[in-house]
């Protein structure tokens, strides 16, 4: 039996937001995970292992909460770009908070908090269609996958938030 959940219209069940929480790995140095409605919140110290774990878990969690595969993979790619940007800006081992969850509808939301409140993501002059560039196209990719992404202050520093619209 599903427990009633508060929704925007009172109490009831919210498909994809209850009863589908996958098991999370136990806390370990540099990584602490918590369930949240429709997804997870991860507190991490950025390194290859924690970033890999959170990235893989994002796909699993979104699929478990009813996000279609194409949208979940797009959200995972957006998360990779946001994490890469935060690590390049702040350095390895930076403390980050990651939120990945299903919105009230069928979209996926990905947000990364980092401690640099005064540093917004920067665009490069790299053409999006360059065959030789190895970096510099991340924000263009985010523009395509999550148009209207935002940067706002957070208690940690800043929060870059992206809504990945459901495929179709």
C-alpha atoms as a PDB file:
ATOM      1  CA  UNK A   1       0.000   0.000   0.000  1.00  0.00           C
ATOM      2  CA  UNK A   2       1.274   3.463  -0.894  1.00  0.00           C
ATOM      3  CA  UNK A   3       1.330   6.063   1.869  1.00  0.00           C
ATOM      4  CA  UNK A   4      -0.443   9.315   0.964  1.00  0.00           C
ATOM      5  CA  UNK A   5       2.009  12.057   0.133  1.00  0.00           C
ATOM      6  CA  UNK A   6       1.430  15.803   0.314  1.00  0.00           C
ATOM      7  CA  UNK A   7       1.045  17.142  -3.212  1.00  0.00           C
ATOM      8  CA  UNK A   8       0.336  20.566  -4.674  1.00  0.00           C
ATOM      9  CA  UNK A   9      -3.377  19.722  -4.501  1.00  0.00           C
ATOM     10  CA  UNK A  10      -3.569  18.227  -0.986  1.00  0.00           C
ATOM     11  CA  UNK A  11      -2.707  14.673  -0.019  1.00  0.00           C
ATOM     12  CA  UNK A  12      -2.679  11.706  -2.321  1.00  0.00           C
ATOM     13  CA  UNK A  13      -0.128   9.756  -4.230  1.00  0.00           C
ATOM     14  CA  UNK A  14       2.291  11.418  -6.556  1.00  0.00           C
ATOM     15  CA  UNK A  15       3.364   8.967  -9.273  1.00  0.00           C
ATOM     16  CA  UNK A  16       7.112   8.613  -9.437  1.00  0.00           C
ATOM     17  CA  UNK A  17       7.634  10.402  -6.138  1.00  0.00           C
ATOM     18  CA  UNK A  18       6.826   7.643  -3.631  1.00  0.00           C
ATOM     19  CA  UNK A  19       7.892   4.057  -3.138  1.00  0.00           C
ATOM     20  CA  UNK A  20      10.573   4.040  -5.830  1.00  0.00           C
ATOM     21  CA  UNK A  21      13.656   5.075  -3.912  1.00  0.00           C
ATOM     22  CA  UNK A  22      16.620   2.897  -4.911  1.00  0.00           C
ATOM     23  CA  UNK A  23      19.009   1.838  -2.167  1.00  0.00           C
ATOM     24  CA  UNK A  24      21.792   4.336  -1.706  1.00  0.00           C
ATOM     25  CA  UNK A  25      25.393   3.403  -0.937  1.00  0.00           C
ATOM     26  CA  UNK A  26      26.318   3.936   2.704  1.00  0.00           C
ATOM     27  CA  UNK A  27      28.151   7.148   3.632  1.00  0.00           C
ATOM     28  CA  UNK A  28      31.902   7.086   3.132  1.00  0.00           C
ATOM     29  CA  UNK A  29      34.625   9.697   3.390  1.00  0.00           C
ATOM     30  CA  UNK A  30      33.861  12.368   0.824  1.00  0.00           C
ATOM     31  CA  UNK A  31      30.327  11.209  -0.005  1.00  0.00           C
ATOM     32  CA  UNK A  32      27.061  11.492   1.910  1.00  0.00           C
ATOM     33  CA  UNK A  33      23.778  10.725   0.120  1.00  0.00           C
ATOM     34  CA  UNK A  34      20.209  11.452   1.185  1.00  0.00           C
ATOM     35  CA  UNK A  35      16.874  10.584  -0.367  1.00  0.00           C
ATOM     36  CA  UNK A  36      14.654  13.540  -1.236  1.00  0.00           C
ATOM     37  CA  UNK A  37      11.215  13.567  -2.853  1.00  0.00           C
ATOM     38  CA  UNK A  38      11.722  12.239  -6.360  1.00  0.00           C
ATOM     39  CA  UNK A  39      15.494  11.883  -6.127  1.00  0.00           C
ATOM     40  CA  UNK A  40      18.642  12.426  -4.102  1.00  0.00           C
ATOM     41  CA  UNK A  41      20.859  15.056  -2.558  1.00  0.00           C
ATOM     42  CA  UNK A  42      24.585  14.286  -2.482  1.00  0.00           C
ATOM     43  CA  UNK A  43      27.173  16.056  -0.348  1.00  0.00           C
ATOM     44  CA  UNK A  44      30.573  15.274  -1.794  1.00  0.00           C
ATOM     45  CA  UNK A  45      34.193  16.179  -1.914  1.00  0.00           C
ATOM     46  CA  UNK A  46      34.969  16.240  -5.621  1.00  0.00           C
ATOM     47  CA  UNK A  47      37.286  13.501  -6.798  1.00  0.00           C
ATOM     48  CA  UNK A  48      37.091  10.942  -9.580  1.00  0.00           C
ATOM     49  CA  UNK A  49      35.448   8.294  -7.372  1.00  0.00           C
ATOM     50  CA  UNK A  50      32.713  10.462  -5.830  1.00  0.00           C
ATOM     51  CA  UNK A  51      31.880  12.187  -9.111  1.00  0.00           C
ATOM     52  CA  UNK A  52      31.618   8.810 -10.865  1.00  0.00           C
ATOM     53  CA  UNK A  53      29.343   7.449  -8.123  1.00  0.00           C
ATOM     54  CA  UNK A  54      27.007  10.462  -8.135  1.00  0.00           C
ATOM     55  CA  UNK A  55      26.859  10.547 -11.930  1.00  0.00           C
ATOM     56  CA  UNK A  56      25.938   6.846 -12.156  1.00  0.00           C
ATOM     57  CA  UNK A  57      23.461   7.139  -9.308  1.00  0.00           C
ATOM     58  CA  UNK A  58      21.728  10.099 -10.996  1.00  0.00           C
ATOM     59  CA  UNK A  59      20.678   7.917 -13.925  1.00  0.00           C
ATOM     60  CA  UNK A  60      19.502   5.102 -11.652  1.00  0.00           C
ATOM     61  CA  UNK A  61      17.489   7.439  -9.420  1.00  0.00           C
ATOM     62  CA  UNK A  62      15.810   9.300 -12.265  1.00  0.00           C
ATOM     63  CA  UNK A  63      14.797   6.069 -13.981  1.00  0.00           C
ATOM     64  CA  UNK A  64      13.462   4.708 -10.675  1.00  0.00           C
ATOM     65  CA  UNK A  65      11.291   7.816 -10.364  1.00  0.00           C
ATOM     66  CA  UNK A  66       9.716   7.422 -13.787  1.00  0.00           C
ATOM     67  CA  UNK A  67      11.899   9.673 -15.920  1.00  0.00           C
ATOM     68  CA  UNK A  68      12.256   8.277 -19.440  1.00  0.00           C
ATOM     69  CA  UNK A  69      15.700   6.988 -20.492  1.00  0.00           C
ATOM     70  CA  UNK A  70      16.477   9.784 -22.975  1.00  0.00           C
ATOM     71  CA  UNK A  71      15.668  12.520 -20.452  1.00  0.00           C
ATOM     72  CA  UNK A  72      17.572  10.728 -17.672  1.00  0.00           C
ATOM     73  CA  UNK A  73      20.643  10.380 -19.913  1.00  0.00           C
ATOM     74  CA  UNK A  74      20.421  14.066 -20.860  1.00  0.00           C
ATOM     75  CA  UNK A  75      20.200  14.993 -17.165  1.00  0.00           C
ATOM     76  CA  UNK A  76      23.223  12.794 -16.462  1.00  0.00           C
ATOM     77  CA  UNK A  77      25.176  14.619 -19.186  1.00  0.00           C
ATOM     78  CA  UNK A  78      24.117  18.013 -17.785  1.00  0.00           C
ATOM     79  CA  UNK A  79      25.269  16.867 -14.335  1.00  0.00           C
ATOM     80  CA  UNK A  80      28.645  15.839 -15.770  1.00  0.00           C
ATOM     81  CA  UNK A  81      29.083  19.269 -17.344  1.00  0.00           C
ATOM     82  CA  UNK A  82      28.077  21.110 -14.159  1.00  0.00           C
ATOM     83  CA  UNK A  83      30.412  19.006 -12.019  1.00  0.00           C
ATOM     84  CA  UNK A  84      33.267  19.497 -14.468  1.00  0.00           C
ATOM     85  CA  UNK A  85      32.707  23.266 -14.484  1.00  0.00           C
ATOM     86  CA  UNK A  86      32.625  23.419 -10.674  1.00  0.00           C
ATOM     87  CA  UNK A  87      35.810  21.367 -10.349  1.00  0.00           C
ATOM     88  CA  UNK A  88      37.636  23.429 -12.987  1.00  0.00           C
ATOM     89  CA  UNK A  89      36.584  26.657 -11.238  1.00  0.00           C
ATOM     90  CA  UNK A  90      37.168  25.560  -7.631  1.00  0.00           C
ATOM     91  CA  UNK A  91      39.791  22.838  -7.886  1.00  0.00           C
ATOM     92  CA  UNK A  92      39.741  19.177  -7.059  1.00  0.00           C
ATOM     93  CA  UNK A  93      38.459  18.135  -3.623  1.00  0.00           C
ATOM     94  CA  UNK A  94      36.055  21.080  -3.513  1.00  0.00           C
ATOM     95  CA  UNK A  95      32.984  20.427  -1.354  1.00  0.00           C
ATOM     96  CA  UNK A  96      29.873  20.307  -3.560  1.00  0.00           C
ATOM     97  CA  UNK A  97      26.193  19.608  -3.073  1.00  0.00           C
ATOM     98  CA  UNK A  98      24.324  17.932  -5.918  1.00  0.00           C
ATOM     99  CA  UNK A  99      20.561  17.685  -6.253  1.00  0.00           C
ATOM    100  CA  UNK A 100      18.996  15.327  -8.790  1.00  0.00           C
ATOM    101  CA  UNK A 101      15.265  14.786  -8.788  1.00  0.00           C
ATOM    102  CA  UNK A 102      12.064  14.476 -10.742  1.00  0.00           C
ATOM    103  CA  UNK A 103      10.104  17.704 -10.819  1.00  0.00           C
ATOM    104  CA  UNK A 104       6.385  17.728 -10.133  1.00  0.00           C
ATOM    105  CA  UNK A 105       5.831  16.851 -13.768  1.00  0.00           C
ATOM    106  CA  UNK A 106       7.964  14.514 -15.845  1.00  0.00           C
ATOM    107  CA  UNK A 107      11.058  16.707 -16.140  1.00  0.00           C
ATOM    108  CA  UNK A 108      14.392  16.120 -14.407  1.00  0.00           C
ATOM    109  CA  UNK A 109      16.090  18.775 -12.295  1.00  0.00           C
ATOM    110  CA  UNK A 110      19.852  18.852 -11.759  1.00  0.00           C
ATOM    111  CA  UNK A 111      21.521  21.400  -9.496  1.00  0.00           C
ATOM    112  CA  UNK A 112      25.109  21.796  -8.322  1.00  0.00           C
ATOM    113  CA  UNK A 113      26.089  24.051  -5.418  1.00  0.00           C
ATOM    114  CA  UNK A 114      29.702  25.206  -5.180  1.00  0.00           C
ATOM    115  CA  UNK A 115      31.462  27.676  -2.849  1.00  0.00           C
ATOM    116  CA  UNK A 116      32.325  30.349  -5.450  1.00  0.00           C
ATOM    117  CA  UNK A 117      29.428  32.768  -5.023  1.00  0.00           C
ATOM    118  CA  UNK A 118      31.014  35.470  -7.178  1.00  0.00           C
ATOM    119  CA  UNK A 119      32.038  33.275 -10.111  1.00  0.00           C
ATOM    120  CA  UNK A 120      29.395  32.484 -12.725  1.00  0.00           C
ATOM    121  CA  UNK A 121      29.966  29.844 -15.406  1.00  0.00           C
ATOM    122  CA  UNK A 122      31.989  31.350 -18.277  1.00  0.00           C
ATOM    123  CA  UNK A 123      31.581  30.714 -21.968  1.00  0.00           C
ATOM    124  CA  UNK A 124      34.576  30.172 -24.195  1.00  0.00           C
ATOM    125  CA  UNK A 125      35.079  31.137 -27.812  1.00  0.00           C
ATOM    126  CA  UNK A 126      35.143  27.472 -28.834  1.00  0.00           C
ATOM    127  CA  UNK A 127      32.771  26.881 -31.754  1.00  0.00           C
ATOM    128  CA  UNK A 128      30.115  24.281 -30.895  1.00  0.00           C
ATOM    129  CA  UNK A 129      30.829  22.405 -34.123  1.00  0.00           C
ATOM    130  CA  UNK A 130      34.633  22.238 -33.733  1.00  0.00           C
ATOM    131  CA  UNK A 131      35.997  18.771 -34.511  1.00  0.00           C
ATOM    132  CA  UNK A 132      39.293  19.496 -32.756  1.00  0.00           C
ATOM    133  CA  UNK A 133      38.204  21.115 -29.482  1.00  0.00           C
ATOM    134  CA  UNK A 134      38.477  18.911 -26.413  1.00  0.00           C
ATOM    135  CA  UNK A 135      36.662  21.310 -24.081  1.00  0.00           C
ATOM    136  CA  UNK A 136      34.787  24.599 -24.046  1.00  0.00           C
ATOM    137  CA  UNK A 137      31.382  23.518 -25.341  1.00  0.00           C
ATOM    138  CA  UNK A 138      29.721  22.524 -22.066  1.00  0.00           C
ATOM    139  CA  UNK A 139      27.521  25.594 -21.594  1.00  0.00           C
ATOM    140  CA  UNK A 140      26.355  25.364 -25.208  1.00  0.00           C
ATOM    141  CA  UNK A 141      25.399  21.751 -24.542  1.00  0.00           C
ATOM    142  CA  UNK A 142      23.560  22.784 -21.362  1.00  0.00           C
ATOM    143  CA  UNK A 143      21.747  25.519 -23.345  1.00  0.00           C
ATOM    144  CA  UNK A 144      20.435  22.831 -25.694  1.00  0.00           C
ATOM    145  CA  UNK A 145      19.525  20.213 -23.062  1.00  0.00           C
ATOM    146  CA  UNK A 146      18.285  22.570 -20.310  1.00  0.00           C
ATOM    147  CA  UNK A 147      17.376  25.964 -21.792  1.00  0.00           C
ATOM    148  CA  UNK A 148      16.746  28.618 -19.186  1.00  0.00           C
ATOM    149  CA  UNK A 149      19.183  27.239 -16.601  1.00  0.00           C
ATOM    150  CA  UNK A 150      19.823  29.560 -13.696  1.00  0.00           C
ATOM    151  CA  UNK A 151      22.594  30.665 -11.334  1.00  0.00           C
ATOM    152  CA  UNK A 152      21.490  31.875  -7.916  1.00  0.00           C
ATOM    153  CA  UNK A 153      23.044  32.469  -4.502  1.00  0.00           C
ATOM    154  CA  UNK A 154      22.888  29.591  -2.037  1.00  0.00           C
ATOM    155  CA  UNK A 155      24.019  29.183   1.575  1.00  0.00           C
ATOM    156  CA  UNK A 156      27.041  27.339   0.201  1.00  0.00           C
ATOM    157  CA  UNK A 157      27.970  29.909  -2.448  1.00  0.00           C
ATOM    158  CA  UNK A 158      26.008  29.543  -5.664  1.00  0.00           C
ATOM    159  CA  UNK A 159      23.573  27.050  -7.155  1.00  0.00           C
ATOM    160  CA  UNK A 160      23.496  26.296 -10.878  1.00  0.00           C
ATOM    161  CA  UNK A 161      20.124  24.727 -11.614  1.00  0.00           C
ATOM    162  CA  UNK A 162      18.970  23.037 -14.811  1.00  0.00           C
ATOM    163  CA  UNK A 163      15.578  21.642 -15.746  1.00  0.00           C
ATOM    164  CA  UNK A 164      15.849  18.970 -18.404  1.00  0.00           C
ATOM    165  CA  UNK A 165      12.533  18.803 -20.216  1.00  0.00           C
ATOM    166  CA  UNK A 166      11.047  15.353 -20.802  1.00  0.00           C
ATOM    167  CA  UNK A 167      11.745  13.895 -24.229  1.00  0.00           C
ATOM    168  CA  UNK A 168       8.927  14.001 -26.720  1.00  0.00           C
END
